[in-house]
Amino acid sequence: MSFNIALSGIAAAQKDLNTTANNIANVNSIGFKESRAEFADVYANSIFANSKTAVGGGVTTSQVAQQFHQGSLQFTNNALDMAINGGGFFVTSSELEAKDHSFTRAGAFKVNSADYLVDSQGNYLQTFPVDKDGNSTSVSLTTTKPVRIPDTAGSPKKTENINIQMNLNAADATLDPALFDPNDRDTYNNSTAVTMYDSLGEPHILTTYFVRPPNAAYTGESNWAAFYAIDGQQVDLAGPAGVFDQDTTGDGVADVLNTPAVNAGGWKGAVIKFNDTGAHTTTDPDPILTVQLGVAGAGVLGPGTDGTQTLTIDFNNPTQYASTFEVTELNQDGTTVGRLTNVEVGADGLINASYSNGSTVALARVALARFANEQGLTQVGNTSWRASLDSGLALAGEANSGTFGSIRSSALEQSNVDLTTELVDLISAQRNFQANSRTLEVNNTLQQTILQIR
């Protein structure tokens, strides 16, 4: 009997040593959770046994229990590295369409050859689908899917609308719009440019030239003419040119009315009008619509593009103050094909991809899972676990909500092993092993003594 007791003690001490050694070996394993060997005494009793004189039958290992407390965070320079600050597990699958999920706290993710987010073993990170605004459309493990980060964003969109807001200097000299020449800086007061796109996503430069007509600053109204060019080529209005009025006598009354904003080369321009406080009153024509850029004589777009493309130009509350020319708003609604420039993961797990065309696309939201009994999870290696009867079913949810922790991008959760504690436990387990070995030795000596009795 005493031999068995001593042997059980040696086995328990060995189990404790093994557990401690495994903890120490994984002190640098990302997402690793330390284990603790838990023991219970052994008693064999029957109904009629005298429990007061019963001697225990030794020790047994009741469980090697994992400890899921938070590990410290190590910050990195990789935006795809993720750490959960709080409760929950990342969800992974071994195949693209597989629903046999594994769960991990190791967030060292990367992009594979097919642009999917995977861990170091090639398992696919599972995510919730989102709409264009980044809102999850489903929060269930049955609808999760791997996330792919496209290298390009969308198809080109031709420019249709351009908005300009600026201040035109009321102190600028007057010039004759009929003499306007884009190649002669002395024939216009100011200019501004914006990149616009054709139907194939090819960029073009739209330049707007501003000319202050002669004697335009008479009492009550001021006029400016605006001409347009794309890549240096003339772009006319779709309809008649704008008209301005002149005070040629200097008496403060316009005596030359409805003068067309046309230069000697036939360029047709729009006219922007301001009152005596510098506020915008109207634009002629309004809205400003250019001719079809690929046909109707413009010919500024290349072969294969949509020749019916036109531009609607809107002056958004411009001003005319005695201040320097300044553009405060200049935008257009076209895009070209975008190349991936950046990937970001928010605290709520939303994965956003930014592209060179200025667009930001919400790709997916990282799925998290939790369990009623984390210690009941089955270890499968590679710092991953699977659900079991003891752990209960996985409950899915979003990061930063409920009992789920937040996600820290560019960070990794380190092992939660305390090396100092493990070294102390190692000494304790060694002492236990030695003590039980001594018990076994004493039992052997006693038996040898008994066998020598004659």
Protein backbone atom coordinates (compact mmCIF):
# COMPACT_ATOMS: atom_id res chain seq x y z
CA MET A 1 0.00 0.00 0.00
CA SER A 2 2.73 2.46 0.99
CA PHE A 3 4.55 1.66 -2.25
CA ASN A 4 1.48 2.74 -4.26
CA ILE A 5 1.10 5.90 -2.19
CA ALA A 6 4.71 6.84 -2.80
CA LEU A 7 4.42 6.02 -6.51
CA SER A 8 1.31 8.22 -6.83
CA GLY A 9 3.21 11.04 -5.16
CA ILE A 10 6.11 10.63 -7.57
CA ALA A 11 3.67 10.61 -10.54
CA ALA A 12 1.97 13.76 -9.23
CA ALA A 13 5.30 15.51 -8.72
CA GLN A 14 6.33 14.50 -12.23
CA LYS A 15 3.06 15.90 -13.62
CA ASP A 16 3.72 19.15 -11.75
CA LEU A 17 7.25 19.27 -13.16
CA ASN A 18 5.97 18.63 -16.70
CA THR A 19 3.34 21.35 -16.41
CA THR A 20 5.83 23.86 -15.07
CA ALA A 21 8.39 22.95 -17.73
CA ASN A 22 5.77 23.43 -20.47
CA ASN A 23 4.89 26.85 -19.07
CA ILE A 24 8.55 27.88 -19.02
CA ALA A 25 9.10 26.55 -22.55
CA ASN A 26 6.25 28.74 -23.87
CA VAL A 27 7.15 31.92 -22.02
CA ASN A 28 7.64 33.67 -25.40
CA SER A 29 4.76 31.99 -27.29
CA ILE A 30 2.28 34.62 -28.48
CA GLY A 31 -1.18 34.12 -27.02
CA PHE A 32 -0.09 31.19 -24.82
CA LYS A 33 -2.04 30.58 -21.59
CA GLU A 34 -0.26 28.97 -18.66
CA SER A 35 -1.52 25.76 -17.08
CA ARG A 36 -1.72 24.69 -13.46
CA ALA A 37 -1.61 21.09 -12.27
CA GLU A 38 -4.39 20.49 -9.76
CA PHE A 39 -4.27 17.44 -7.45
CA ALA A 40 -6.71 15.61 -5.17
CA ASP A 41 -6.21 13.02 -2.44
CA VAL A 42 -7.42 9.42 -2.88
CA TYR A 43 -9.59 7.60 -0.38
CA ALA A 44 -11.17 4.18 -0.76
CA ASN A 45 -14.09 3.82 1.67
CA SER A 46 -17.06 1.52 1.94
CA ILE A 47 -20.26 1.81 3.96
CA PHE A 48 -18.86 -0.10 6.90
CA ALA A 49 -15.32 1.30 6.83
CA ASN A 50 -14.03 3.24 9.80
CA SER A 51 -13.22 6.62 8.36
CA LYS A 52 -11.50 7.69 11.56
CA THR A 53 -8.70 5.22 11.00
CA ALA A 54 -8.66 5.22 7.20
CA VAL A 55 -5.38 6.13 5.58
CA GLY A 56 -5.38 7.87 2.23
CA GLY A 57 -4.46 5.99 -0.88
CA GLY A 58 -2.20 8.68 -2.28
CA VAL A 59 -2.72 11.51 -4.75
CA THR A 60 -4.17 11.83 -8.23
CA THR A 61 -4.11 14.57 -10.86
CA SER A 62 -7.61 15.96 -11.04
CA GLN A 63 -6.96 18.44 -13.85
CA VAL A 64 -4.31 20.42 -15.67
CA ALA A 65 -6.28 23.66 -15.69
CA GLN A 66 -5.47 26.48 -18.11
CA GLN A 67 -5.37 30.00 -16.74
CA PHE A 68 -6.91 32.50 -19.15
CA HIS A 69 -5.98 35.77 -17.46
CA GLN A 70 -4.76 38.60 -19.67
CA GLY A 71 -1.20 38.62 -20.95
CA SER A 72 0.75 41.83 -21.41
CA LEU A 73 0.63 43.60 -24.80
CA GLN A 74 3.65 43.96 -27.04
CA PHE A 75 3.34 46.73 -29.64
CA THR A 76 4.61 46.18 -33.18
CA ASN A 77 4.86 48.01 -36.51
CA ASN A 78 2.53 45.61 -38.33
CA ALA A 79 -1.06 46.86 -38.66
CA LEU A 80 -2.28 43.28 -39.13
CA ASP A 81 -1.00 42.22 -35.71
CA MET A 82 -3.98 42.19 -33.35
CA ALA A 83 -4.39 41.68 -29.62
CA ILE A 84 -7.60 41.31 -27.63
CA ASN A 85 -7.62 43.58 -24.60
CA GLY A 86 -10.24 41.79 -22.51
CA GLY A 87 -12.37 38.71 -23.10
CA GLY A 88 -12.86 36.69 -26.24
CA PHE A 89 -11.00 34.63 -28.84
CA PHE A 90 -10.19 35.11 -32.50
CA VAL A 91 -11.97 32.60 -34.74
CA THR A 92 -10.05 30.73 -37.45
CA SER A 93 -10.74 27.96 -39.95
CA SER A 94 -8.38 25.66 -41.81
CA GLU A 95 -10.17 26.00 -45.16
CA LEU A 96 -11.95 28.84 -46.96
CA GLU A 97 -15.42 27.30 -46.66
CA ALA A 98 -14.83 25.23 -43.51
CA LYS A 99 -17.03 25.75 -40.43
CA ASP A 100 -14.84 23.62 -38.16
CA HIS A 101 -13.61 26.57 -36.15
CA SER A 102 -10.59 26.91 -33.91
CA PHE A 103 -10.14 29.66 -31.34
CA THR A 104 -6.97 31.52 -30.43
CA ARG A 105 -5.60 34.57 -28.66
CA ALA A 106 -2.55 34.72 -30.93
CA GLY A 107 -3.17 37.61 -33.33
CA ALA A 108 -0.07 37.48 -35.54
CA PHE A 109 -1.95 37.67 -38.84
CA LYS A 110 -0.61 38.24 -42.31
CA VAL A 111 -1.74 38.21 -45.95
CA ASN A 112 -1.27 34.98 -47.91
CA SER A 113 -0.67 34.64 -51.65
CA ALA A 114 -4.42 34.97 -52.35
CA ASP A 115 -4.71 38.19 -50.25
CA TYR A 116 -6.57 36.50 -47.36
CA LEU A 117 -5.75 37.21 -43.72
CA VAL A 118 -4.24 34.09 -42.15
CA ASP A 119 -2.23 33.14 -39.06
CA SER A 120 1.24 31.60 -39.08
CA GLN A 121 -0.26 28.12 -39.69
CA GLY A 122 -2.27 29.33 -42.69
CA ASN A 123 -5.63 29.26 -40.89
CA TYR A 124 -8.10 31.85 -42.15
CA LEU A 125 -9.26 34.64 -39.82
CA GLN A 126 -13.06 34.65 -39.63
CA THR A 127 -15.01 37.92 -39.87
CA PHE A 128 -18.58 39.22 -39.88
CA PRO A 129 -19.87 40.71 -43.17
CA VAL A 130 -20.50 44.48 -43.16
CA ASP A 131 -22.38 46.96 -45.33
CA LYS A 132 -20.76 49.92 -47.10
CA ASP A 133 -21.00 51.99 -43.91
CA GLY A 134 -19.16 49.37 -41.85
CA ASN A 135 -22.18 48.06 -39.94
CA SER A 136 -22.27 44.30 -39.33
CA THR A 137 -25.07 42.63 -41.28
CA SER A 138 -24.88 39.43 -39.23
CA VAL A 139 -23.29 38.47 -35.90
CA SER A 140 -23.24 34.68 -36.01
CA LEU A 141 -20.51 32.09 -36.40
CA THR A 142 -22.54 30.41 -39.13
CA THR A 143 -22.21 33.50 -41.36
CA THR A 144 -18.54 34.30 -40.72
CA LYS A 145 -16.16 34.15 -43.64
CA PRO A 146 -12.47 34.78 -44.32
CA VAL A 147 -11.55 38.34 -45.19
CA ARG A 148 -9.73 39.16 -48.40
CA ILE A 149 -7.93 42.47 -48.85
CA PRO A 150 -8.23 43.53 -52.52
CA ASP A 151 -5.17 45.12 -54.08
CA THR A 152 -7.40 47.45 -56.10
CA ALA A 153 -10.63 49.27 -55.28
CA GLY A 154 -13.63 49.32 -57.56
CA SER A 155 -13.96 50.45 -61.15
CA PRO A 156 -13.32 53.95 -62.49
CA LYS A 157 -16.07 56.58 -62.25
CA LYS A 158 -16.04 59.46 -64.67
CA THR A 159 -16.22 62.99 -63.28
CA GLU A 160 -19.62 64.59 -63.64
CA ASN A 161 -19.69 67.39 -61.04
CA ILE A 162 -17.04 69.89 -59.94
CA ASN A 163 -17.52 72.28 -57.02
CA ILE A 164 -15.41 75.42 -56.63
CA GLN A 165 -15.42 77.92 -53.80
CA MET A 166 -13.02 80.86 -53.88
CA ASN A 167 -12.49 84.56 -53.30
CA LEU A 168 -11.82 86.79 -56.29
CA ASN A 169 -9.81 89.92 -55.48
CA ALA A 170 -11.92 93.05 -55.93
CA ALA A 171 -8.73 95.07 -56.31
CA ASP A 172 -7.51 93.17 -59.38
CA ALA A 173 -7.02 95.08 -62.61
CA THR A 174 -9.66 94.81 -65.28
CA LEU A 175 -8.91 92.90 -68.47
CA ASP A 176 -10.75 92.34 -71.74
CA PRO A 177 -12.18 88.77 -71.95
CA ALA A 178 -11.98 89.02 -75.73
CA LEU A 179 -8.19 89.07 -75.44
CA PHE A 180 -8.00 86.03 -73.16
CA ASP A 181 -5.21 83.62 -74.06
CA PRO A 182 -4.37 80.74 -71.68
CA ASN A 183 -0.76 80.89 -72.87
CA ASP A 184 -0.44 84.57 -71.95
CA ARG A 185 -0.46 85.17 -68.20
CA ASP A 186 -1.19 88.86 -68.71
CA THR A 187 -4.61 88.13 -70.25
CA TYR A 188 -6.23 86.62 -67.16
CA ASN A 189 -6.22 87.49 -63.47
CA ASN A 190 -6.13 84.09 -61.76
CA SER A 191 -6.49 80.37 -62.42
CA THR A 192 -7.04 77.15 -60.49
CA ALA A 193 -6.90 73.48 -61.52
CA VAL A 194 -8.37 70.16 -60.43
CA THR A 195 -7.79 66.58 -61.56
CA MET A 196 -10.84 64.99 -63.19
CA TYR A 197 -11.28 61.50 -64.66
CA ASP A 198 -12.72 60.06 -67.84
CA SER A 199 -14.77 56.84 -68.01
CA LEU A 200 -11.61 54.69 -68.09
CA GLY A 201 -10.15 56.34 -65.01
CA GLU A 202 -7.55 58.32 -66.95
CA PRO A 203 -6.75 61.60 -65.13
CA HIS A 204 -7.03 64.97 -66.85
CA ILE A 205 -6.37 68.49 -65.58
CA LEU A 206 -9.30 70.89 -65.71
CA THR A 207 -8.11 74.50 -65.43
CA THR A 208 -10.46 77.40 -64.73
CA TYR A 209 -9.26 80.88 -65.76
CA PHE A 210 -10.78 84.02 -64.21
CA VAL A 211 -10.88 87.35 -66.07
CA ARG A 212 -12.25 90.59 -64.61
CA PRO A 213 -14.02 92.48 -67.46
CA PRO A 214 -13.36 96.19 -67.97
CA ASN A 215 -15.35 98.74 -65.96
CA ALA A 216 -16.99 95.85 -64.11
CA ALA A 217 -16.85 97.45 -60.65
CA TYR A 218 -19.63 99.92 -61.17
CA THR A 219 -22.11 100.54 -58.35
CA GLY A 220 -24.42 97.66 -57.63
CA GLU A 221 -22.80 94.75 -59.49
CA SER A 222 -19.42 93.31 -60.45
CA ASN A 223 -18.73 90.67 -63.11
CA TRP A 224 -16.04 88.06 -63.69
CA ALA A 225 -15.64 85.78 -66.70
CA ALA A 226 -14.52 82.13 -66.31
CA PHE A 227 -12.98 80.07 -69.12
CA TYR A 228 -12.19 76.34 -69.07
CA ALA A 229 -9.53 74.05 -70.51
CA ILE A 230 -8.77 70.35 -70.10
CA ASP A 231 -5.13 69.37 -70.56
CA GLY A 232 -4.65 72.79 -72.19
CA GLN A 233 -7.39 72.26 -74.78
CA GLN A 234 -10.39 74.52 -75.08
CA VAL A 235 -13.64 73.36 -73.47
CA ASP A 236 -16.70 75.44 -74.32
CA LEU A 237 -20.08 75.68 -72.68
CA ALA A 238 -22.89 73.46 -73.89
CA GLY A 239 -25.07 76.51 -74.48
CA PRO A 240 -24.58 80.23 -75.10
CA ALA A 241 -21.73 82.05 -73.41
CA GLY A 242 -22.42 84.02 -70.25
CA VAL A 243 -22.96 87.76 -70.60
CA PHE A 244 -21.75 90.74 -68.55
CA ASP A 245 -22.61 94.44 -68.48
CA GLN A 246 -20.19 97.38 -68.78
CA ASP A 247 -20.10 101.00 -67.68
CA THR A 248 -18.03 102.59 -70.44
CA THR A 249 -18.81 106.18 -69.43
CA GLY A 250 -17.89 105.86 -65.78
CA ASP A 251 -21.16 107.26 -64.47
CA GLY A 252 -21.95 104.18 -62.36
CA VAL A 253 -24.59 102.93 -64.78
CA ALA A 254 -24.15 100.00 -67.12
CA ASP A 255 -24.52 101.29 -70.66
CA VAL A 256 -23.21 98.27 -72.60
CA LEU A 257 -25.42 95.29 -71.73
CA ASN A 258 -25.24 91.54 -72.38
CA THR A 259 -21.65 91.44 -73.61
CA PRO A 260 -20.82 87.77 -74.35
CA ALA A 261 -17.84 86.24 -72.53
CA VAL A 262 -16.08 85.11 -75.71
CA ASN A 263 -12.40 85.50 -76.55
CA ALA A 264 -10.86 86.12 -79.95
CA GLY A 265 -10.34 82.40 -80.43
CA GLY A 266 -14.03 81.68 -79.89
CA TRP A 267 -13.71 80.35 -76.33
CA LYS A 268 -17.05 80.64 -74.59
CA GLY A 269 -17.00 81.34 -70.85
CA ALA A 270 -19.37 81.76 -67.93
CA VAL A 271 -19.96 84.98 -66.02
CA ILE A 272 -20.00 85.16 -62.21
CA LYS A 273 -21.79 88.13 -60.67
CA PHE A 274 -21.41 89.78 -57.26
CA ASN A 275 -23.23 92.61 -55.48
CA ASP A 276 -21.60 95.67 -53.88
CA THR A 277 -20.86 93.74 -50.67
CA GLY A 278 -18.88 91.07 -52.50
CA ALA A 279 -21.56 88.36 -52.20
CA HIS A 280 -22.34 86.02 -55.08
CA THR A 281 -25.65 86.81 -56.76
CA THR A 282 -25.78 84.53 -59.80
CA THR A 283 -23.80 82.72 -62.48
CA ASP A 284 -24.61 82.91 -66.17
CA PRO A 285 -25.30 80.27 -67.32
CA ASP A 286 -26.36 78.45 -64.18
CA PRO A 287 -25.62 75.61 -63.96
CA ILE A 288 -22.48 75.68 -66.03
CA LEU A 289 -22.49 72.69 -68.37
CA THR A 290 -19.57 71.98 -70.69
CA VAL A 291 -19.84 70.48 -74.14
CA GLN A 292 -19.55 66.71 -74.57
CA LEU A 293 -15.85 66.19 -74.10
CA GLY A 294 -15.28 63.42 -76.64
CA VAL A 295 -17.51 64.81 -79.36
CA ALA A 296 -19.05 68.17 -80.22
CA GLY A 297 -15.67 69.61 -81.12
CA ALA A 298 -13.95 69.22 -77.75
CA GLY A 299 -11.92 66.09 -78.47
CA VAL A 300 -9.97 66.23 -75.20
CA LEU A 301 -10.55 62.56 -74.25
CA GLY A 302 -8.63 59.60 -75.59
CA PRO A 303 -9.93 56.73 -77.74
CA GLY A 304 -12.26 54.26 -76.07
CA THR A 305 -13.62 56.70 -73.49
CA ASP A 306 -17.20 57.83 -73.11
CA GLY A 307 -17.38 60.69 -75.57
CA THR A 308 -20.70 61.92 -74.15
CA GLN A 309 -19.06 62.94 -70.86
CA THR A 310 -19.93 66.47 -69.77
CA LEU A 311 -19.01 68.46 -66.66
CA THR A 312 -21.37 70.42 -64.45
CA ILE A 313 -19.38 73.17 -62.73
CA ASP A 314 -20.88 74.77 -59.64
CA PHE A 315 -19.45 77.84 -57.96
CA ASN A 316 -20.29 77.26 -54.31
CA ASN A 317 -20.93 80.70 -52.79
CA PRO A 318 -17.81 82.45 -54.12
CA THR A 319 -16.95 85.92 -52.81
CA GLN A 320 -15.38 89.09 -54.17
CA TYR A 321 -13.54 90.86 -51.39
CA ALA A 322 -10.53 93.16 -51.44
CA SER A 323 -8.35 90.23 -50.53
CA THR A 324 -5.95 87.96 -52.37
CA PHE A 325 -7.28 85.26 -54.65
CA GLU A 326 -7.89 82.13 -52.60
CA VAL A 327 -9.50 78.77 -53.37
CA THR A 328 -11.23 77.38 -50.25
CA GLU A 329 -12.97 74.38 -51.80
CA LEU A 330 -12.24 72.40 -54.94
CA ASN A 331 -13.54 68.86 -55.42
CA GLN A 332 -14.95 66.50 -58.02
CA ASP A 333 -16.89 63.22 -57.90
CA GLY A 334 -14.84 61.03 -60.25
CA THR A 335 -12.41 58.28 -59.26
CA THR A 336 -9.78 56.15 -60.90
CA VAL A 337 -8.77 52.60 -60.02
CA GLY A 338 -7.25 52.67 -56.53
CA ARG A 339 -4.19 50.75 -55.36
CA LEU A 340 -3.99 49.53 -51.79
CA THR A 341 -2.07 51.98 -49.59
CA ASN A 342 -3.06 51.12 -46.02
CA VAL A 343 -5.04 48.71 -43.85
CA GLU A 344 -6.42 49.68 -40.45
CA VAL A 345 -8.22 47.69 -37.76
CA GLY A 346 -10.37 49.64 -35.29
CA ALA A 347 -10.98 48.87 -31.62
CA ASP A 348 -14.37 47.43 -32.67
CA GLY A 349 -12.66 45.06 -35.13
CA LEU A 350 -13.69 46.91 -38.29
CA ILE A 351 -11.12 46.36 -41.04
CA ASN A 352 -10.76 49.35 -43.38
CA ALA A 353 -8.64 49.42 -46.53
CA SER A 354 -7.44 52.73 -47.99
CA TYR A 355 -6.61 53.14 -51.66
CA SER A 356 -4.61 55.58 -53.76
CA ASN A 357 -7.75 57.07 -55.32
CA GLY A 358 -8.79 58.40 -51.93
CA SER A 359 -11.46 55.79 -51.25
CA THR A 360 -11.73 53.89 -47.97
CA VAL A 361 -13.54 50.56 -48.07
CA ALA A 362 -14.98 48.75 -45.03
CA LEU A 363 -14.04 45.12 -45.70
CA ALA A 364 -15.30 43.17 -42.69
CA ARG A 365 -15.41 43.07 -38.89
CA VAL A 366 -13.24 40.66 -36.90
CA ALA A 367 -15.38 37.97 -35.26
CA LEU A 368 -14.82 37.18 -31.59
CA ALA A 369 -16.10 34.22 -29.57
CA ARG A 370 -16.43 33.48 -25.87
CA PHE A 371 -17.36 30.43 -23.78
CA ALA A 372 -19.21 29.75 -20.55
CA ASN A 373 -16.25 27.69 -19.31
CA GLU A 374 -12.95 28.64 -20.92
CA GLN A 375 -11.06 26.02 -18.91
CA GLY A 376 -13.16 23.34 -20.62
CA LEU A 377 -11.68 24.14 -24.04
CA THR A 378 -9.67 21.40 -25.71
CA GLN A 379 -6.10 22.30 -26.64
CA VAL A 380 -5.15 21.46 -30.22
CA GLY A 381 -1.68 23.02 -30.32
CA ASN A 382 -0.37 26.16 -32.03
CA THR A 383 -1.93 28.16 -29.17
CA SER A 384 -5.40 27.20 -30.41
CA TRP A 385 -8.40 25.55 -28.81
CA ARG A 386 -11.60 23.87 -29.87
CA ALA A 387 -14.99 23.84 -28.21
CA SER A 388 -15.96 20.82 -26.11
CA LEU A 389 -18.86 19.62 -23.98
CA ASP A 390 -17.15 21.10 -20.93
CA SER A 391 -16.60 24.53 -22.50
CA GLY A 392 -20.09 24.87 -23.96
CA LEU A 393 -20.96 26.32 -27.35
CA ALA A 394 -19.10 29.31 -28.74
CA LEU A 395 -21.00 32.60 -28.41
CA ALA A 396 -20.14 35.09 -31.17
CA GLY A 397 -19.96 38.85 -30.78
CA GLU A 398 -18.28 42.06 -31.85
CA ALA A 399 -15.23 43.54 -30.19
CA ASN A 400 -15.75 46.40 -27.76
CA SER A 401 -19.30 45.32 -26.95
CA GLY A 402 -20.81 43.42 -24.04
CA THR A 403 -18.28 41.16 -22.34
CA PHE A 404 -15.98 41.14 -25.37
CA GLY A 405 -12.73 43.05 -25.17
CA SER A 406 -11.45 45.64 -27.59
CA ILE A 407 -8.98 44.92 -30.38
CA ARG A 408 -5.61 46.63 -30.38
CA SER A 409 -4.07 46.88 -33.82
CA SER A 410 -0.27 46.72 -34.17
CA ALA A 411 -0.03 44.74 -30.93
CA LEU A 412 0.35 41.14 -29.81
CA GLU A 413 -0.69 39.50 -26.55
CA GLN A 414 2.30 37.89 -24.91
CA SER A 415 2.26 34.69 -22.90
CA ASN A 416 0.70 35.15 -19.45
CA VAL A 417 3.41 33.00 -17.85
CA ASP A 418 5.15 34.61 -14.85
CA LEU A 419 8.67 33.23 -15.11
CA THR A 420 9.55 34.00 -11.47
CA THR A 421 6.52 32.09 -10.20
CA GLU A 422 7.29 29.16 -12.49
CA LEU A 423 10.87 28.90 -11.23
CA VAL A 424 9.62 28.81 -7.64
CA ASP A 425 7.08 26.13 -8.61
CA LEU A 426 9.89 24.20 -10.26
CA ILE A 427 11.82 24.09 -7.00
CA SER A 428 8.67 23.08 -5.10
CA ALA A 429 7.93 20.25 -7.55
CA GLN A 430 11.53 19.07 -7.31
CA ARG A 431 11.29 18.92 -3.51
CA ASN A 432 8.03 16.97 -3.74
CA PHE A 433 9.62 14.50 -6.14
CA GLN A 434 12.59 14.03 -3.81
CA ALA A 435 10.36 13.58 -0.76
CA ASN A 436 8.20 10.95 -2.46
CA SER A 437 11.32 9.19 -3.72
CA ARG A 438 12.57 9.12 -0.15
CA THR A 439 9.25 7.59 0.97
CA LEU A 440 9.67 4.90 -1.66
CA GLU A 441 13.23 4.27 -0.47
CA VAL A 442 12.13 3.94 3.16
CA ASN A 443 9.40 1.49 2.18
CA ASN A 444 11.95 -0.56 0.32
CA THR A 445 14.25 -0.62 3.34
CA LEU A 446 11.43 -1.74 5.63
CA GLN A 447 10.47 -4.55 3.29
CA GLN A 448 14.09 -5.67 3.09
CA THR A 449 14.21 -5.73 6.90
CA ILE A 450 11.04 -7.83 7.08
CA LEU A 451 12.34 -10.29 4.51
CA GLN A 452 15.53 -10.78 6.56
CA ILE A 453 13.62 -11.77 9.74
CA ARG A 454 14.09 -15.47 10.51
